[in-house]
């Protein structure tokens, strides 16, 4: 009988303590220590300061205690926006807004990095120094990441109070910025290259390892083909064109065959309004047919705004 009373008393204590145990919140220091390695890994792969990643995660997820973090592993408050995965409805600026839902926290951190690196409006951030957390904080606000006017100050305060900049120095080298990868880079072929003599009369550039020139309205594909000792049909094929046509000033014209995949540091492209698959293929020096294959799209099909196009 005494044994039964002891058992009953212990059971009552457990039941009384249960709400307290399950309602315990993760502290900020605990949260940072738990996810710092994820932030450092994303800095290595995407070039976003680890301090910024951690500060945003702390702020957006309330140190992992928000409903989105607990029920959807969404630690950055990223809404659906052309998302094809699982979703969760949550009240934010308005009722029942659609947010992304992830299988694990790691997926949320990676998607946040992709979200910033592959969107046009955030591209300028990657030209900043990876240790300049203040410039990144203000840049995120100016790019429209958050509606709170105090967002930069909140991030900076959080970074400085928790010494998050220490994690930025765990990474020696970050990938080049997207704008640098797709910028016009002068190409100087070696003397043994068939393009060497042509580079003496007209400036050559390179993108994704493919040589190109910048055409003008005075050029034609027929004349350019003769200039570079190519068949017109060959030059058109290099540029995924079926027929000759007028050339606009600033047109990128490849004088070599494009690649089957994009640069190793650019995995995706997020479409803006009015973009076409042809334009994307020229922008990243990828064969148009291969670009369609990479994205399981039919030739002639065009992307919608916000759609992620795989480049590799």
Protein backbone atom coordinates (compact mmCIF):
# COMPACT_ATOMS: atom_id res chain seq x y z
CA UNK A 1 0.00 0.00 0.00
CA UNK A 2 2.85 2.40 0.83
CA UNK A 3 4.50 1.56 -2.52
CA UNK A 4 1.29 2.51 -4.35
CA UNK A 5 1.13 5.86 -2.55
CA UNK A 6 4.74 6.65 -3.47
CA UNK A 7 4.04 5.78 -7.10
CA UNK A 8 0.93 7.94 -7.14
CA UNK A 9 2.78 10.85 -5.56
CA UNK A 10 5.59 10.62 -8.19
CA UNK A 11 3.05 10.48 -11.01
CA UNK A 12 1.34 13.63 -9.69
CA UNK A 13 4.68 15.46 -9.59
CA UNK A 14 5.42 14.50 -13.22
CA UNK A 15 1.98 15.67 -14.34
CA UNK A 16 2.39 18.96 -12.51
CA UNK A 17 5.86 19.52 -13.97
CA UNK A 18 4.94 18.54 -17.56
CA UNK A 19 3.56 21.94 -18.66
CA UNK A 20 6.70 23.67 -17.36
CA UNK A 21 9.00 21.20 -19.12
CA UNK A 22 7.25 21.48 -22.48
CA UNK A 23 6.92 25.26 -22.30
CA UNK A 24 10.62 25.91 -21.73
CA UNK A 25 12.00 28.28 -24.34
CA UNK A 26 15.38 28.15 -26.06
CA UNK A 27 17.64 30.96 -24.89
CA UNK A 28 19.50 33.15 -27.38
CA UNK A 29 22.96 31.91 -26.36
CA UNK A 30 21.81 28.31 -26.63
CA UNK A 31 20.27 28.97 -30.05
CA UNK A 32 23.45 30.62 -31.39
CA UNK A 33 25.67 27.77 -30.18
CA UNK A 34 23.29 25.24 -31.72
CA UNK A 35 23.19 26.79 -35.20
CA UNK A 36 26.50 28.65 -35.57
CA UNK A 37 28.02 25.81 -37.64
CA UNK A 38 25.10 25.97 -40.06
CA UNK A 39 25.64 29.72 -40.48
CA UNK A 40 29.38 29.27 -41.07
CA UNK A 41 28.67 26.57 -43.69
CA UNK A 42 26.28 28.89 -45.53
CA UNK A 43 28.85 31.68 -45.51
CA UNK A 44 31.34 29.32 -47.15
CA UNK A 45 28.91 28.18 -49.83
CA UNK A 46 26.97 31.41 -50.50
CA UNK A 47 29.04 34.37 -49.25
CA UNK A 48 26.55 35.75 -46.70
CA UNK A 49 28.19 36.81 -43.40
CA UNK A 50 27.60 34.18 -40.71
CA UNK A 51 26.87 37.01 -38.27
CA UNK A 52 24.02 38.26 -40.48
CA UNK A 53 22.60 34.76 -40.94
CA UNK A 54 22.57 34.11 -37.19
CA UNK A 55 21.17 37.54 -36.34
CA UNK A 56 18.36 37.16 -38.87
CA UNK A 57 17.60 33.65 -37.62
CA UNK A 58 17.47 34.81 -33.99
CA UNK A 59 15.27 37.77 -34.85
CA UNK A 60 12.91 36.08 -37.32
CA UNK A 61 12.42 32.88 -35.28
CA UNK A 62 12.54 34.40 -31.78
CA UNK A 63 15.56 32.18 -31.06
CA UNK A 64 13.76 29.15 -32.49
CA UNK A 65 10.67 29.63 -30.32
CA UNK A 66 8.26 30.99 -32.95
CA UNK A 67 5.39 28.90 -34.29
CA UNK A 68 6.95 28.90 -37.77
CA UNK A 69 10.24 27.60 -36.38
CA UNK A 70 8.65 24.92 -34.19
CA UNK A 71 5.97 23.66 -36.59
CA UNK A 72 7.54 24.38 -39.99
CA UNK A 73 11.33 24.56 -39.34
CA UNK A 74 11.10 28.01 -40.94
CA UNK A 75 13.66 30.14 -39.11
CA UNK A 76 13.70 33.13 -41.47
CA UNK A 77 10.02 33.87 -42.01
CA UNK A 78 10.20 33.17 -45.74
CA UNK A 79 6.79 33.20 -47.43
CA UNK A 80 5.69 30.82 -50.20
CA UNK A 81 6.33 32.89 -53.38
CA UNK A 82 6.44 30.18 -56.12
CA UNK A 83 7.25 27.54 -53.51
CA UNK A 84 6.32 23.99 -54.57
CA UNK A 85 7.06 22.28 -51.24
CA UNK A 86 5.01 21.91 -48.07
CA UNK A 87 3.40 25.04 -46.63
CA UNK A 88 1.88 26.40 -43.42
CA UNK A 89 -0.64 29.22 -42.92
CA UNK A 90 0.34 31.86 -40.38
CA UNK A 91 -0.84 35.36 -39.44
CA UNK A 92 1.72 38.01 -40.37
CA UNK A 93 0.99 41.29 -42.17
CA UNK A 94 -2.44 39.78 -42.83
CA UNK A 95 -4.31 36.68 -41.68
CA UNK A 96 -3.49 33.18 -42.93
CA UNK A 97 -0.48 34.04 -45.09
CA UNK A 98 1.35 31.20 -46.81
CA UNK A 99 4.83 30.33 -45.47
CA UNK A 100 7.35 27.70 -46.52
CA UNK A 101 7.59 24.51 -44.48
CA UNK A 102 10.82 22.47 -44.32
CA UNK A 103 11.64 18.91 -43.32
CA UNK A 104 14.60 20.04 -41.21
CA UNK A 105 16.21 23.25 -39.97
CA UNK A 106 19.19 22.82 -42.32
CA UNK A 107 16.82 23.17 -45.28
CA UNK A 108 15.58 26.49 -43.91
CA UNK A 109 19.12 27.88 -43.59
CA UNK A 110 20.03 26.78 -47.12
CA UNK A 111 16.83 28.14 -48.63
CA UNK A 112 17.43 31.49 -46.93
CA UNK A 113 20.91 31.63 -48.49
CA UNK A 114 19.50 30.71 -51.92
CA UNK A 115 16.75 33.30 -51.46
CA UNK A 116 19.32 36.07 -51.09
CA UNK A 117 22.03 34.93 -53.51
CA UNK A 118 19.87 34.19 -56.55
CA UNK A 119 17.45 37.13 -56.53
CA UNK A 120 18.21 40.25 -58.56
CA UNK A 121 17.22 42.71 -55.82
CA UNK A 122 19.75 41.26 -53.35
CA UNK A 123 22.60 40.84 -55.83
CA UNK A 124 24.36 44.08 -54.78
CA UNK A 125 24.80 42.74 -51.24
CA UNK A 126 27.38 40.22 -52.42
CA UNK A 127 29.61 43.03 -53.70
CA UNK A 128 29.97 44.20 -50.09
CA UNK A 129 32.76 42.98 -47.86
CA UNK A 130 31.67 39.72 -46.18
CA UNK A 131 32.77 41.12 -42.82
CA UNK A 132 30.89 44.43 -43.17
CA UNK A 133 27.82 43.37 -41.18
CA UNK A 134 26.52 46.94 -40.85
CA UNK A 135 26.42 47.44 -44.63
CA UNK A 136 24.68 44.08 -45.00
CA UNK A 137 22.11 44.98 -42.34
CA UNK A 138 21.19 48.26 -44.03
CA UNK A 139 21.35 46.62 -47.46
CA UNK A 140 18.81 43.98 -46.47
CA UNK A 141 16.40 46.72 -45.39
CA UNK A 142 16.88 48.78 -48.56
CA UNK A 143 16.31 45.65 -50.68
CA UNK A 144 12.97 45.12 -48.93
CA UNK A 145 13.68 42.03 -46.82
CA UNK A 146 11.72 43.40 -43.84
CA UNK A 147 9.06 46.07 -43.29
CA UNK A 148 10.26 47.09 -39.82
CA UNK A 149 12.07 50.48 -40.22
CA UNK A 150 14.37 49.52 -37.32
CA UNK A 151 15.41 46.20 -38.90
CA UNK A 152 19.08 47.18 -39.54
CA UNK A 153 19.52 48.52 -36.01
CA UNK A 154 17.96 45.39 -34.52
CA UNK A 155 20.36 43.15 -36.47
CA UNK A 156 23.41 45.26 -35.60
CA UNK A 157 22.50 45.36 -31.91
CA UNK A 158 22.01 41.60 -31.84
CA UNK A 159 25.32 40.99 -33.63
CA UNK A 160 27.32 43.26 -31.33
CA UNK A 161 25.71 42.11 -28.06
CA UNK A 162 26.40 38.46 -28.91
CA UNK A 163 29.79 38.90 -30.60
CA UNK A 164 28.52 37.19 -33.75
CA UNK A 165 31.25 38.73 -35.92
CA UNK A 166 33.67 36.14 -34.53
CA UNK A 167 32.01 33.55 -36.79
CA UNK A 168 32.65 35.63 -39.93
CA UNK A 169 36.37 35.06 -39.43
CA UNK A 170 35.97 31.29 -39.47
CA UNK A 171 35.70 31.57 -43.27
CA UNK A 172 38.82 32.51 -45.26
CA UNK A 173 37.35 32.55 -48.78
CA UNK A 174 33.80 33.16 -49.99
CA UNK A 175 32.47 32.53 -53.52
CA UNK A 176 32.57 35.46 -55.96
CA UNK A 177 29.50 37.67 -56.13
CA UNK A 178 26.82 36.81 -58.74
CA UNK A 179 27.28 40.20 -60.44
CA UNK A 180 31.02 39.57 -60.78
CA UNK A 181 30.44 36.12 -62.29
CA UNK A 182 28.15 37.42 -65.06
CA UNK A 183 29.98 40.72 -65.64
CA UNK A 184 31.85 41.38 -68.88
CA UNK A 185 35.33 40.01 -68.25
CA UNK A 186 37.95 40.71 -70.87
CA UNK A 187 39.22 37.51 -72.43
CA UNK A 188 42.79 37.26 -73.69
CA UNK A 189 43.30 33.97 -75.50
CA UNK A 190 46.72 32.37 -75.69
CA UNK A 191 48.64 32.77 -78.96
CA UNK A 192 47.95 29.16 -79.93
CA UNK A 193 44.18 29.77 -79.75
CA UNK A 194 42.21 30.26 -82.97
CA UNK A 195 40.67 33.35 -81.40
CA UNK A 196 43.99 35.06 -80.65
CA UNK A 197 44.35 37.02 -83.90
CA UNK A 198 40.72 38.15 -83.75
CA UNK A 199 41.21 39.58 -80.26
CA UNK A 200 43.74 42.04 -81.70
CA UNK A 201 41.08 43.84 -83.77
CA UNK A 202 38.00 43.45 -81.57
CA UNK A 203 37.79 43.10 -77.79
CA UNK A 204 36.84 39.62 -76.59
CA UNK A 205 35.05 38.82 -73.35
CA UNK A 206 34.42 35.60 -71.47
CA UNK A 207 31.46 34.26 -69.51
CA UNK A 208 31.23 30.77 -68.03
CA UNK A 209 34.46 30.05 -69.92
CA UNK A 210 32.90 30.92 -73.29
CA UNK A 211 34.29 33.70 -75.51
CA UNK A 212 31.94 36.39 -76.80
CA UNK A 213 31.88 39.85 -78.33
CA UNK A 214 29.51 42.75 -77.71
CA UNK A 215 27.70 43.55 -80.94
CA UNK A 216 26.35 46.83 -82.28
CA UNK A 217 23.60 47.91 -84.67
CA UNK A 218 26.26 48.19 -87.40
CA UNK A 219 27.01 44.45 -87.18
CA UNK A 220 25.26 41.49 -88.81
CA UNK A 221 25.63 37.79 -88.08
CA UNK A 222 26.69 37.19 -91.66
CA UNK A 223 29.54 39.74 -91.47
CA UNK A 224 30.59 38.61 -87.99
CA UNK A 225 30.71 35.00 -89.15
CA UNK A 226 33.08 35.96 -91.97
CA UNK A 227 35.16 38.04 -89.57
CA UNK A 228 35.61 35.08 -87.25
CA UNK A 229 35.94 32.54 -90.08
CA UNK A 230 32.75 30.74 -89.15
CA UNK A 231 29.73 29.69 -91.17
CA UNK A 232 26.77 31.98 -90.51
CA UNK A 233 24.76 28.92 -89.48
CA UNK A 234 27.52 28.02 -87.02
CA UNK A 235 27.51 31.46 -85.36
CA UNK A 236 23.72 31.40 -85.17
CA UNK A 237 23.84 27.95 -83.56
CA UNK A 238 26.33 29.18 -80.96
CA UNK A 239 23.72 31.78 -80.00
CA UNK A 240 20.65 29.51 -80.25
CA UNK A 241 19.27 31.44 -83.22
CA UNK A 242 17.57 29.97 -86.27
CA UNK A 243 17.92 32.93 -88.62
CA UNK A 244 19.92 36.11 -89.11
CA UNK A 245 18.38 39.34 -87.89
CA UNK A 246 19.18 42.89 -86.78
CA UNK A 247 21.61 43.23 -83.89
CA UNK A 248 21.00 45.76 -81.12
CA UNK A 249 23.80 47.73 -79.45
CA UNK A 250 25.19 45.77 -76.50
CA UNK A 251 24.03 42.34 -77.72
CA UNK A 252 26.13 39.46 -76.38
CA UNK A 253 27.25 37.28 -79.29
CA UNK A 254 29.10 34.06 -78.50
CA UNK A 255 31.85 33.03 -80.91
CA UNK A 256 32.22 29.62 -79.28
CA UNK A 257 29.71 26.96 -78.31
CA UNK A 258 28.02 27.63 -74.96
CA UNK A 259 28.21 25.19 -72.04
CA UNK A 260 25.74 22.54 -70.90
CA UNK A 261 25.64 24.01 -67.39
CA UNK A 262 26.35 27.31 -65.64
CA UNK A 263 29.25 28.56 -63.54
CA UNK A 264 30.05 26.39 -60.51
CA UNK A 265 29.28 29.28 -58.14
CA UNK A 266 25.81 29.96 -59.56
CA UNK A 267 23.33 27.12 -59.18
CA UNK A 268 20.08 29.00 -59.79
CA UNK A 269 18.46 32.04 -61.30
CA UNK A 270 15.22 33.53 -59.93
CA UNK A 271 13.15 35.02 -62.75
CA UNK A 272 12.10 38.63 -62.94
CA UNK A 273 9.04 39.92 -64.83
CA UNK A 274 9.31 39.34 -68.60
CA UNK A 275 12.44 37.18 -68.59
CA UNK A 276 12.72 34.41 -71.17
CA UNK A 277 14.57 31.13 -71.26
CA UNK A 278 16.55 32.40 -74.25
CA UNK A 279 17.62 35.52 -72.34
CA UNK A 280 18.69 33.40 -69.36
CA UNK A 281 20.66 31.04 -71.61
CA UNK A 282 22.55 34.01 -73.09
CA UNK A 283 23.08 35.62 -69.71
CA UNK A 284 24.81 32.54 -68.28
CA UNK A 285 26.32 31.06 -71.49
CA UNK A 286 24.25 27.87 -71.35
CA UNK A 287 22.91 26.04 -74.41
CA UNK A 288 19.18 26.77 -74.56
CA UNK A 289 18.23 23.12 -75.16
CA UNK A 290 20.27 22.04 -72.13
CA UNK A 291 18.67 24.75 -69.97
CA UNK A 292 15.23 23.37 -70.82
CA UNK A 293 16.41 19.85 -69.95
CA UNK A 294 17.88 20.96 -66.61
CA UNK A 295 14.48 22.36 -65.64
CA UNK A 296 12.23 19.65 -67.09
CA UNK A 297 10.59 22.23 -69.31
CA UNK A 298 9.35 21.90 -72.88
CA UNK A 299 11.09 23.93 -75.62
CA UNK A 300 9.20 27.19 -76.06
CA UNK A 301 7.85 27.18 -72.50
CA UNK A 302 8.59 30.42 -70.63
CA UNK A 303 9.15 30.97 -66.88
CA UNK A 304 6.89 32.97 -64.59
CA UNK A 305 8.04 35.70 -62.22
CA UNK A 306 9.76 34.26 -59.15
CA UNK A 307 10.36 30.83 -60.68
CA UNK A 308 13.73 29.28 -59.79
CA UNK A 309 15.62 28.16 -62.88
CA UNK A 310 18.37 25.60 -62.29
CA UNK A 311 21.64 26.46 -64.01
CA UNK A 312 23.49 23.31 -63.03
